[in-house]
Amino acid sequence: MKIDLNSDLGEGFGPWTMGDDAAMLDVVTSANIACGGHAGDPETMFATLRQAAERGVVIGAHPGYADREGFGRRVIPMPPARIGRMVAAQVGALQGIAALAGARVRYVKPHGALGNLAADDRTVADAIVAAVSALPGNLAVLAISGTDLELAARAAGAEVFSEIFADRAYLPNGRLVPRSQPGAVLHDVEEVADRLIRFLETGLMPAIQGAPIPLAAQSVCVHGDTAGAVSMAQAIRARLDAAGIAVAPFLQVEGRA
C-alpha cells in the first residue's frame, strides 16, 4: 500500500508569509503551489518551486479566485469560460516561473472556493479541465474524491487523481464540512492520524451525522496554513511509516526510476 501526501504551499506574497514551506517540503511528496490568485507572486513562486525541485517533490499548480483578502475562500460569480481563462492564466504563470527555476509543473489542483464549486458544478469542472488540457505539459488533475471535477477529467480523457483531506471533517454526501461550521477543521494530531490509517485500511471516511462513506484516493492533503501544520504532517508521516504504508507521489518523480 502507498499514498501521496500533498500540501498547499507558496501561499504568501510580498513580505507576508504563510506557514513554513521549507519544513513542509521535507514531509510531503507533492506540492500545490499558489500561482497569483488567492496568494503567491513571482518571487514566492520561484522560491517555492526551487525548494520543491531540490527535494524531489512533485509540483502542482494551485489556482484560485483572485481574492487575496478572502484567501480564495469566497465564490466570485463569473461564467465558466471566464473561470477557465483565469485558471489558464494562473497555471501558465507558474509554468513560466518554473522554467526559470529549473522545475516543471505536473498537475493542477483548484484552491478553496473554486475547488469546492468545481466539485458540484459540472459546467465549471468542464471549463477547468478544458483549460488544463489546453496548456502545455500534459498536466494531470488532482480532484477531491467523488466530485464533478473528477468525473469531468475522466470524461475528457485527462489524467486524474483523487484526494481526501486528513484534517477536514466530511458531510454524509462526501463533501467537506464548510469552514464556517464548528468542527470543520480537525486539530488533534492523534485523531487525524488514526482516522487516516483507518480510511486507508477500509476505504471508509467518517462523516458527521451519518455512517462512514466510501471514497477512493491516491493522495492525502495536509494543510500548510493551519496552526501546528508541520507537526501534524510529521506525525501523520511517522504513523504511515509505522503502519508500513509507503509515502510516494502519485506522479513519478522526473529523472527517477
Protein backbone atom coordinates (compact mmCIF):
# COMPACT_ATOMS: atom_id res chain seq x y z
CA MET A 1 0.00 0.00 0.00
CA LYS A 2 1.22 3.52 -0.79
CA ILE A 3 -0.20 7.03 -0.61
CA ASP A 4 0.88 10.53 -1.61
CA LEU A 5 0.96 13.44 0.83
CA ASN A 6 0.27 16.86 -0.68
CA SER A 7 0.15 20.34 0.79
CA ASP A 8 -0.89 23.81 -0.39
CA LEU A 9 2.27 25.92 -0.37
CA GLY A 10 3.70 29.19 -1.65
CA GLU A 11 0.70 30.98 -0.16
CA GLY A 12 2.45 34.17 0.84
CA PHE A 13 3.10 37.28 -1.22
CA GLY A 14 5.48 40.19 -0.88
CA PRO A 15 6.80 40.42 2.71
CA TRP A 16 3.85 38.39 4.05
CA THR A 17 4.43 34.67 4.60
CA MET A 18 2.07 31.78 5.29
CA GLY A 19 3.26 28.64 7.04
CA ASP A 20 6.70 27.00 6.88
CA ASP A 21 7.08 25.80 3.31
CA ALA A 22 10.66 24.56 3.70
CA ALA A 23 9.75 22.33 6.63
CA MET A 24 6.59 21.05 4.96
CA LEU A 25 8.52 20.18 1.80
CA ASP A 26 10.65 17.83 3.90
CA VAL A 27 7.50 15.85 4.71
CA VAL A 28 5.18 15.86 1.68
CA THR A 29 5.70 14.25 -1.70
CA SER A 30 3.60 16.66 -3.80
CA ALA A 31 3.29 20.45 -3.52
CA ASN A 32 0.34 22.53 -4.72
CA ILE A 33 1.87 25.96 -5.32
CA ALA A 34 -0.24 29.12 -5.36
CA CYS A 35 0.07 30.99 -8.63
CA GLY A 36 -1.04 34.57 -8.11
CA GLY A 37 -4.77 34.26 -7.48
CA HIS A 38 -5.61 33.75 -3.82
CA ALA A 39 -1.90 34.10 -2.96
CA GLY A 40 1.55 33.98 -4.50
CA ASP A 41 3.72 36.33 -6.51
CA PRO A 42 6.70 35.73 -8.85
CA GLU A 43 9.30 35.73 -6.06
CA THR A 44 7.27 33.47 -3.77
CA MET A 45 6.55 31.11 -6.66
CA PHE A 46 10.22 30.99 -7.65
CA ALA A 47 11.44 30.27 -4.12
CA THR A 48 8.84 27.55 -3.50
CA LEU A 49 9.47 25.92 -6.89
CA ARG A 50 13.22 25.80 -6.27
CA GLN A 51 12.77 24.31 -2.81
CA ALA A 52 10.37 21.67 -4.10
CA ALA A 53 12.59 20.74 -7.04
CA GLU A 54 15.65 20.44 -4.81
CA ARG A 55 13.82 17.92 -2.61
CA GLY A 56 12.36 15.88 -5.49
CA VAL A 57 8.81 16.89 -4.57
CA VAL A 58 6.34 16.71 -7.47
CA ILE A 59 4.94 20.14 -8.32
CA GLY A 60 1.35 21.13 -8.99
CA ALA A 61 -0.34 24.46 -9.70
CA HIS A 62 -2.92 25.70 -7.19
CA PRO A 63 -5.10 28.29 -8.95
CA GLY A 64 -7.93 30.04 -7.16
CA TYR A 65 -10.15 33.08 -7.24
CA ALA A 66 -8.24 36.37 -7.39
CA ASP A 67 -9.31 37.21 -3.86
CA ARG A 68 -6.34 37.67 -1.56
CA GLU A 69 -8.44 39.41 1.07
CA GLY A 70 -10.64 36.33 1.34
CA PHE A 71 -7.78 33.88 0.66
CA GLY A 72 -9.75 32.47 -2.25
CA ARG A 73 -12.42 31.08 0.04
CA ARG A 74 -15.26 33.20 -1.38
CA VAL A 75 -17.02 32.45 -4.66
CA ILE A 76 -16.67 35.29 -7.18
CA PRO A 77 -19.55 34.86 -9.65
CA MET A 78 -18.33 34.56 -13.26
CA PRO A 79 -19.19 32.48 -16.32
CA PRO A 80 -17.46 29.09 -16.63
CA ALA A 81 -15.49 30.19 -19.71
CA ARG A 82 -14.03 33.09 -17.74
CA ILE A 83 -13.11 30.71 -14.94
CA GLY A 84 -11.26 28.58 -17.49
CA ARG A 85 -9.27 31.59 -18.72
CA MET A 86 -8.46 32.59 -15.13
CA VAL A 87 -7.15 29.09 -14.42
CA ALA A 88 -5.11 29.04 -17.65
CA ALA A 89 -3.55 32.43 -16.82
CA GLN A 90 -2.53 31.38 -13.32
CA VAL A 91 -1.20 27.96 -14.25
CA GLY A 92 0.64 29.46 -17.23
CA ALA A 93 2.26 32.00 -14.91
CA LEU A 94 3.53 29.24 -12.63
CA GLN A 95 4.80 27.29 -15.63
CA GLY A 96 6.76 30.36 -16.74
CA ILE A 97 8.38 30.85 -13.34
CA ALA A 98 9.05 27.11 -13.15
CA ALA A 99 11.05 27.35 -16.39
CA LEU A 100 13.31 29.89 -14.68
CA ALA A 101 13.55 27.79 -11.52
CA GLY A 102 14.57 24.60 -13.31
CA ALA A 103 11.33 22.88 -12.33
CA ARG A 104 8.22 21.61 -14.09
CA VAL A 105 4.55 21.82 -13.20
CA ARG A 106 2.95 18.36 -13.45
CA TYR A 107 -0.65 18.75 -12.31
CA VAL A 108 -3.38 21.24 -11.31
CA LYS A 109 -5.44 21.33 -8.11
CA PRO A 110 -8.05 24.11 -7.77
CA HIS A 111 -7.97 26.01 -4.50
CA GLY A 112 -10.61 26.79 -1.91
CA ALA A 113 -13.94 28.10 -3.13
CA LEU A 114 -13.01 27.34 -6.74
CA GLY A 115 -12.28 23.72 -5.91
CA ASN A 116 -15.50 23.39 -3.92
CA LEU A 117 -17.54 24.91 -6.75
CA ALA A 118 -15.94 22.59 -9.32
CA ALA A 119 -16.82 19.68 -7.05
CA ASP A 120 -20.56 20.24 -7.60
CA ASP A 121 -20.92 22.33 -10.77
CA ARG A 122 -20.18 20.24 -13.86
CA THR A 123 -20.00 23.28 -16.17
CA VAL A 124 -17.29 24.83 -14.01
CA ALA A 125 -15.50 21.48 -13.75
CA ASP A 126 -15.60 21.09 -17.54
CA ALA A 127 -14.20 24.60 -18.03
CA ILE A 128 -11.30 23.92 -15.66
CA VAL A 129 -10.49 20.59 -17.30
CA ALA A 130 -10.63 22.18 -20.77
CA ALA A 131 -8.19 24.89 -19.66
CA VAL A 132 -5.80 22.39 -18.08
CA SER A 133 -5.92 20.16 -21.17
CA ALA A 134 -5.16 23.10 -23.48
CA LEU A 135 -1.99 24.06 -21.61
CA PRO A 136 1.39 22.53 -22.49
CA GLY A 137 2.99 19.86 -20.34
CA ASN A 138 0.36 17.09 -20.30
CA LEU A 139 -0.90 18.30 -16.95
CA ALA A 140 -2.87 15.95 -14.70
CA VAL A 141 -5.78 16.99 -12.47
CA LEU A 142 -5.88 16.45 -8.71
CA ALA A 143 -9.55 16.46 -7.66
CA ILE A 144 -11.48 16.00 -4.44
CA SER A 145 -12.58 12.38 -4.37
CA GLY A 146 -16.04 11.63 -5.73
CA THR A 147 -16.73 15.07 -7.26
CA ASP A 148 -17.79 16.52 -10.60
CA LEU A 149 -14.22 17.66 -11.25
CA GLU A 150 -13.05 14.08 -11.03
CA LEU A 151 -15.82 12.96 -13.39
CA ALA A 152 -15.19 15.79 -15.84
CA ALA A 153 -11.50 14.97 -16.07
CA ARG A 154 -12.22 11.30 -16.73
CA ALA A 155 -14.81 12.16 -19.37
CA ALA A 156 -12.30 14.39 -21.16
CA GLY A 157 -9.63 11.69 -21.11
CA ALA A 158 -7.39 13.71 -18.81
CA GLU A 159 -5.12 12.03 -16.30
CA VAL A 160 -6.85 12.46 -12.96
CA PHE A 161 -6.04 11.55 -9.38
CA SER A 162 -8.26 11.82 -6.32
CA GLU A 163 -7.54 13.21 -2.88
CA ILE A 164 -9.01 13.19 0.59
CA PHE A 165 -8.22 15.63 3.40
CA ALA A 166 -6.52 14.47 6.55
CA ASP A 167 -7.59 17.40 8.72
CA ARG A 168 -11.10 18.21 7.43
CA ALA A 169 -14.45 16.81 8.53
CA TYR A 170 -16.79 15.28 5.93
CA LEU A 171 -20.53 15.52 5.27
CA PRO A 172 -22.59 12.37 4.50
CA ASN A 173 -22.61 13.33 0.79
CA GLY A 174 -18.80 13.18 0.64
CA ARG A 175 -18.25 16.94 0.63
CA LEU A 176 -16.18 18.83 3.17
CA VAL A 177 -17.88 20.45 6.14
CA PRO A 178 -17.85 24.23 5.43
CA ARG A 179 -15.19 26.07 7.37
CA SER A 180 -17.92 28.30 8.82
CA GLN A 181 -19.25 25.36 10.82
CA PRO A 182 -17.79 24.12 14.12
CA GLY A 183 -15.56 21.08 13.79
CA ALA A 184 -14.81 21.62 10.09
CA VAL A 185 -11.06 21.56 10.72
CA LEU A 186 -9.54 18.83 12.89
CA HIS A 187 -6.66 19.79 15.17
CA ASP A 188 -5.99 16.71 17.31
CA VAL A 189 -2.94 15.04 15.75
CA GLU A 190 -3.67 11.54 17.05
CA GLU A 191 -7.31 11.73 15.99
CA VAL A 192 -6.30 12.82 12.48
CA ALA A 193 -3.65 10.10 12.17
CA ASP A 194 -5.97 7.37 13.49
CA ARG A 195 -8.74 8.41 11.11
CA LEU A 196 -6.37 8.40 8.14
CA ILE A 197 -4.96 4.96 8.90
CA ARG A 198 -8.48 3.54 9.25
CA PHE A 199 -9.50 5.13 5.96
CA LEU A 200 -6.52 3.67 4.11
CA GLU A 201 -7.29 0.23 5.57
CA THR A 202 -11.03 0.30 4.86
CA GLY A 203 -11.73 2.95 2.20
CA LEU A 204 -14.37 4.43 4.51
CA MET A 205 -14.28 8.04 5.73
CA PRO A 206 -16.14 9.03 8.93
CA ALA A 207 -18.86 11.62 8.31
CA ILE A 208 -20.70 13.87 10.72
CA GLN A 209 -24.31 12.83 11.38
CA GLY A 210 -24.07 9.68 9.34
CA ALA A 211 -22.35 6.40 8.59
CA PRO A 212 -18.81 6.32 7.14
CA ILE A 213 -18.74 6.97 3.39
CA PRO A 214 -16.70 5.12 0.74
CA LEU A 215 -14.06 7.24 -1.00
CA ALA A 216 -11.08 6.45 -3.21
CA ALA A 217 -7.87 8.42 -3.08
CA GLN A 218 -4.31 8.39 -4.34
CA SER A 219 -3.34 11.48 -2.33
CA VAL A 220 -3.94 12.97 1.11
CA CYS A 221 -3.90 16.73 1.69
CA VAL A 222 -2.30 18.08 4.83
CA HIS A 223 -2.90 21.80 5.02
CA GLY A 224 0.08 24.09 5.39
CA ASP A 225 -1.80 27.16 6.63
CA THR A 226 -3.21 25.85 9.91
CA ALA A 227 -1.65 26.14 13.37
CA GLY A 228 0.78 23.30 14.01
CA ALA A 229 0.62 22.21 10.36
CA VAL A 230 4.19 20.95 10.15
CA SER A 231 3.96 18.99 13.40
CA MET A 232 0.74 17.38 12.22
CA ALA A 233 2.24 16.47 8.84
CA GLN A 234 5.31 14.99 10.53
CA ALA A 235 3.15 12.95 12.89
CA ILE A 236 0.98 11.68 10.02
CA ARG A 237 4.02 10.61 8.03
CA ALA A 238 5.52 8.88 11.06
CA ARG A 239 2.28 6.96 11.63
CA LEU A 240 2.12 5.93 7.97
CA ASP A 241 5.70 4.70 8.14
CA ALA A 242 4.96 2.76 11.32
CA ALA A 243 1.92 1.15 9.66
CA GLY A 244 4.03 0.02 6.70
CA ILE A 245 2.28 2.38 4.29
CA ALA A 246 4.74 3.82 1.79
CA VAL A 247 4.59 7.57 1.18
CA ALA A 248 5.21 8.27 -2.50
CA PRO A 249 3.96 10.80 -5.08
CA PHE A 250 1.01 9.89 -7.30
CA LEU A 251 3.10 11.00 -10.31
CA GLN A 252 6.55 9.58 -10.91
CA VAL A 253 9.38 11.89 -9.91
CA GLU A 254 11.13 13.03 -13.07
CA GLY A 255 14.56 11.55 -13.63
CA ARG A 256 13.90 8.64 -11.27
CA ALA A 257 13.02 5.02 -12.00
